[in-house]
Amino acid sequence: MIRTFARRRAYELEASMAKAAYVGGDLQEAFRRLERAHILGQPWAGAHSWTHWMMLKIGWRRRDGREVRGQVLRLAAGGLLSRMGRLPTGNTGGADVPAERPMPLPADLAPLCHDDAHQH
């Protein structure tokens, strides 16, 4: 997966907006921003794991057992898979999506992730 300064900055912006929404109690917006942060942050083990940690916290606050279980599993493997470069392009990271399924990139994120189009 491609690691660029622009991609990392975009990840940091999405993560910041997710944090603000989470603190403000807008869990839907926080999760939406985390999905985007997940797509962008996959190449970095720490960023990738942080995104799953925040998704776990939202699942817990929502009392969503499926999300909590899914995020615990993803936390256990996500950082390692980032280090190995074995992550599905475009995957949004929520428990509602199979962890290994590639997904279409959002149009605005595709230019930042363009080299990922050949990764699965």
C-alpha atoms as a PDB file:
ATOM      1  CA  MET A   1       0.000   0.000   0.000  1.00  0.00           C
ATOM      2  CA  ILE A   2       1.212   3.442  -0.862  1.00  0.00           C
ATOM      3  CA  ARG A   3       2.442   5.669   1.971  1.00  0.00           C
ATOM      4  CA  THR A   4       2.572   9.340   1.113  1.00  0.00           C
ATOM      5  CA  PHE A   5       2.607  12.544   3.097  1.00  0.00           C
ATOM      6  CA  ALA A   6      -0.689  13.590   1.477  1.00  0.00           C
ATOM      7  CA  ARG A   7      -2.358  10.312   2.426  1.00  0.00           C
ATOM      8  CA  ARG A   8      -1.131  10.580   6.008  1.00  0.00           C
ATOM      9  CA  ARG A   9      -2.358  14.178   6.261  1.00  0.00           C
ATOM     10  CA  ALA A  10      -5.764  13.140   4.906  1.00  0.00           C
ATOM     11  CA  TYR A  11      -5.865  10.327   7.483  1.00  0.00           C
ATOM     12  CA  GLU A  12      -5.025  12.778  10.275  1.00  0.00           C
ATOM     13  CA  LEU A  13      -7.793  15.129   9.152  1.00  0.00           C
ATOM     14  CA  GLU A  14     -10.393  12.343   9.080  1.00  0.00           C
ATOM     15  CA  ALA A  15      -9.184  11.058  12.465  1.00  0.00           C
ATOM     16  CA  SER A  16      -9.429  14.553  13.932  1.00  0.00           C
ATOM     17  CA  MET A  17     -12.974  14.997  12.635  1.00  0.00           C
ATOM     18  CA  ALA A  18     -13.887  11.544  13.988  1.00  0.00           C
ATOM     19  CA  LYS A  19     -12.554  12.483  17.431  1.00  0.00           C
ATOM     20  CA  ALA A  20     -14.498  15.754  17.440  1.00  0.00           C
ATOM     21  CA  ALA A  21     -17.729  13.994  16.448  1.00  0.00           C
ATOM     22  CA  TYR A  22     -17.144  11.291  19.075  1.00  0.00           C
ATOM     23  CA  VAL A  23     -16.540  13.831  21.843  1.00  0.00           C
ATOM     24  CA  GLY A  24     -19.624  15.746  20.670  1.00  0.00           C
ATOM     25  CA  GLY A  25     -21.737  12.598  20.896  1.00  0.00           C
ATOM     26  CA  ASP A  26     -22.404  12.268  17.156  1.00  0.00           C
ATOM     27  CA  LEU A  27     -21.524   8.594  16.903  1.00  0.00           C
ATOM     28  CA  GLN A  28     -22.899   8.225  13.383  1.00  0.00           C
ATOM     29  CA  GLU A  29     -20.643  10.986  12.034  1.00  0.00           C
ATOM     30  CA  ALA A  30     -17.711   9.709  14.099  1.00  0.00           C
ATOM     31  CA  PHE A  31     -18.089   6.222  12.624  1.00  0.00           C
ATOM     32  CA  ARG A  32     -18.431   7.588   9.082  1.00  0.00           C
ATOM     33  CA  ARG A  33     -15.199   9.546   9.525  1.00  0.00           C
ATOM     34  CA  LEU A  34     -13.500   6.495  11.025  1.00  0.00           C
ATOM     35  CA  GLU A  35     -14.437   4.443   7.959  1.00  0.00           C
ATOM     36  CA  ARG A  36     -12.674   7.024   5.798  1.00  0.00           C
ATOM     37  CA  ALA A  37      -9.742   7.150   8.217  1.00  0.00           C
ATOM     38  CA  HIS A  38      -9.545   3.361   8.040  1.00  0.00           C
ATOM     39  CA  ILE A  39      -9.207   3.410   4.261  1.00  0.00           C
ATOM     40  CA  LEU A  40      -6.463   6.021   4.472  1.00  0.00           C
ATOM     41  CA  GLY A  41      -4.668   4.675   7.551  1.00  0.00           C
ATOM     42  CA  GLN A  42      -4.265   1.036   6.570  1.00  0.00           C
ATOM     43  CA  PRO A  43      -0.602   1.332   5.529  1.00  0.00           C
ATOM     44  CA  TRP A  44       0.418   2.422   9.051  1.00  0.00           C
ATOM     45  CA  ALA A  45      -0.027  -0.152  11.820  1.00  0.00           C
ATOM     46  CA  GLY A  46      -0.588   2.447  14.543  1.00  0.00           C
ATOM     47  CA  ALA A  47      -3.100   4.485  12.549  1.00  0.00           C
ATOM     48  CA  HIS A  48      -4.897   1.347  11.424  1.00  0.00           C
ATOM     49  CA  SER A  49      -5.135  -0.018  14.962  1.00  0.00           C
ATOM     50  CA  TRP A  50      -6.268   3.336  16.390  1.00  0.00           C
ATOM     51  CA  THR A  51      -9.140   3.417  13.914  1.00  0.00           C
ATOM     52  CA  HIS A  52     -10.310  -0.031  15.025  1.00  0.00           C
ATOM     53  CA  TRP A  53      -9.937   1.007  18.685  1.00  0.00           C
ATOM     54  CA  MET A  54     -12.233   3.973  18.095  1.00  0.00           C
ATOM     55  CA  MET A  55     -14.726   1.799  16.214  1.00  0.00           C
ATOM     56  CA  LEU A  56     -14.684  -0.555  19.207  1.00  0.00           C
ATOM     57  CA  LYS A  57     -15.401   2.363  21.554  1.00  0.00           C
ATOM     58  CA  ILE A  58     -18.357   3.419  19.409  1.00  0.00           C
ATOM     59  CA  GLY A  59     -19.651  -0.158  19.318  1.00  0.00           C
ATOM     60  CA  TRP A  60     -19.403  -0.258  23.100  1.00  0.00           C
ATOM     61  CA  ARG A  61     -21.240   3.059  23.528  1.00  0.00           C
ATOM     62  CA  ARG A  62     -23.973   1.858  21.158  1.00  0.00           C
ATOM     63  CA  ARG A  63     -24.147  -1.473  22.987  1.00  0.00           C
ATOM     64  CA  ASP A  64     -23.609  -3.141  19.605  1.00  0.00           C
ATOM     65  CA  GLY A  65     -22.223  -6.594  20.393  1.00  0.00           C
ATOM     66  CA  ARG A  66     -21.554  -7.420  16.754  1.00  0.00           C
ATOM     67  CA  GLU A  67     -19.416  -4.310  16.304  1.00  0.00           C
ATOM     68  CA  VAL A  68     -17.553  -4.907  19.562  1.00  0.00           C
ATOM     69  CA  ARG A  69     -16.753  -8.530  18.643  1.00  0.00           C
ATOM     70  CA  GLY A  70     -15.742  -7.550  15.106  1.00  0.00           C
ATOM     71  CA  GLN A  71     -13.438  -4.805  16.307  1.00  0.00           C
ATOM     72  CA  VAL A  72     -11.771  -6.999  18.927  1.00  0.00           C
ATOM     73  CA  LEU A  73     -10.887  -9.453  16.146  1.00  0.00           C
ATOM     74  CA  ARG A  74      -9.686  -6.671  13.863  1.00  0.00           C
ATOM     75  CA  LEU A  75      -7.568  -5.149  16.620  1.00  0.00           C
ATOM     76  CA  ALA A  76      -5.915  -8.513  17.154  1.00  0.00           C
ATOM     77  CA  ALA A  77      -4.849  -8.785  13.502  1.00  0.00           C
ATOM     78  CA  GLY A  78      -4.993  -5.329  11.901  1.00  0.00           C
ATOM     79  CA  GLY A  79      -1.616  -3.984  12.984  1.00  0.00           C
ATOM     80  CA  LEU A  80       0.185  -7.128  11.904  1.00  0.00           C
ATOM     81  CA  LEU A  81      -1.579  -7.169   8.554  1.00  0.00           C
ATOM     82  CA  SER A  82      -0.631  -3.499   8.035  1.00  0.00           C
ATOM     83  CA  ARG A  83       3.014  -4.372   8.601  1.00  0.00           C
ATOM     84  CA  MET A  84       2.707  -7.207   6.105  1.00  0.00           C
ATOM     85  CA  GLY A  85       0.885  -5.043   3.538  1.00  0.00           C
ATOM     86  CA  ARG A  86      -1.946  -7.561   3.349  1.00  0.00           C
ATOM     87  CA  LEU A  87      -5.028  -5.389   3.549  1.00  0.00           C
ATOM     88  CA  PRO A  88      -7.988  -5.059   1.197  1.00  0.00           C
ATOM     89  CA  THR A  89      -8.116  -1.770  -0.677  1.00  0.00           C
ATOM     90  CA  GLY A  90     -11.065   0.435   0.187  1.00  0.00           C
ATOM     91  CA  ASN A  91     -12.275  -1.710   3.084  1.00  0.00           C
ATOM     92  CA  THR A  92     -14.047   0.564   5.570  1.00  0.00           C
ATOM     93  CA  GLY A  93     -13.184  -1.536   8.643  1.00  0.00           C
ATOM     94  CA  GLY A  94     -16.588  -1.873  10.289  1.00  0.00           C
ATOM     95  CA  ALA A  95     -17.930  -5.217  11.486  1.00  0.00           C
ATOM     96  CA  ASP A  96     -20.678  -4.965   8.855  1.00  0.00           C
ATOM     97  CA  VAL A  97     -18.055  -5.648   6.155  1.00  0.00           C
ATOM     98  CA  PRO A  98     -15.977  -8.823   5.827  1.00  0.00           C
ATOM     99  CA  ALA A  99     -12.459  -7.949   6.979  1.00  0.00           C
ATOM    100  CA  GLU A 100     -10.811  -9.247   3.809  1.00  0.00           C
ATOM    101  CA  ARG A 101     -13.196  -7.732   1.243  1.00  0.00           C
ATOM    102  CA  PRO A 102     -11.780  -5.097  -1.118  1.00  0.00           C
ATOM    103  CA  MET A 103     -14.231  -2.265  -1.708  1.00  0.00           C
ATOM    104  CA  PRO A 104     -14.431   0.594  -4.191  1.00  0.00           C
ATOM    105  CA  LEU A 105     -12.522   3.656  -3.055  1.00  0.00           C
ATOM    106  CA  PRO A 106     -14.530   6.836  -2.484  1.00  0.00           C
ATOM    107  CA  ALA A 107     -13.862   9.144  -5.436  1.00  0.00           C
ATOM    108  CA  ASP A 108     -12.199  11.814  -3.297  1.00  0.00           C
ATOM    109  CA  LEU A 109      -9.848   9.306  -1.626  1.00  0.00           C
ATOM    110  CA  ALA A 110      -8.914   7.374  -4.769  1.00  0.00           C
ATOM    111  CA  PRO A 111      -6.155   9.804  -5.866  1.00  0.00           C
ATOM    112  CA  LEU A 112      -4.468   9.364  -2.469  1.00  0.00           C
ATOM    113  CA  CYS A 113      -4.692   5.581  -2.685  1.00  0.00           C
ATOM    114  CA  HIS A 114      -4.220   5.114  -6.441  1.00  0.00           C
ATOM    115  CA  ASP A 115      -1.419   2.537  -6.187  1.00  0.00           C
ATOM    116  CA  ASP A 116      -3.668   0.468  -3.923  1.00  0.00           C
ATOM    117  CA  ALA A 117      -5.983  -0.322  -6.831  1.00  0.00           C
ATOM    118  CA  HIS A 118      -3.831  -3.368  -7.594  1.00  0.00           C
ATOM    119  CA  GLN A 119      -3.649  -4.636  -4.007  1.00  0.00           C
ATOM    120  CA  HIS A 120      -6.036  -7.119  -2.425  1.00  0.00           C
END
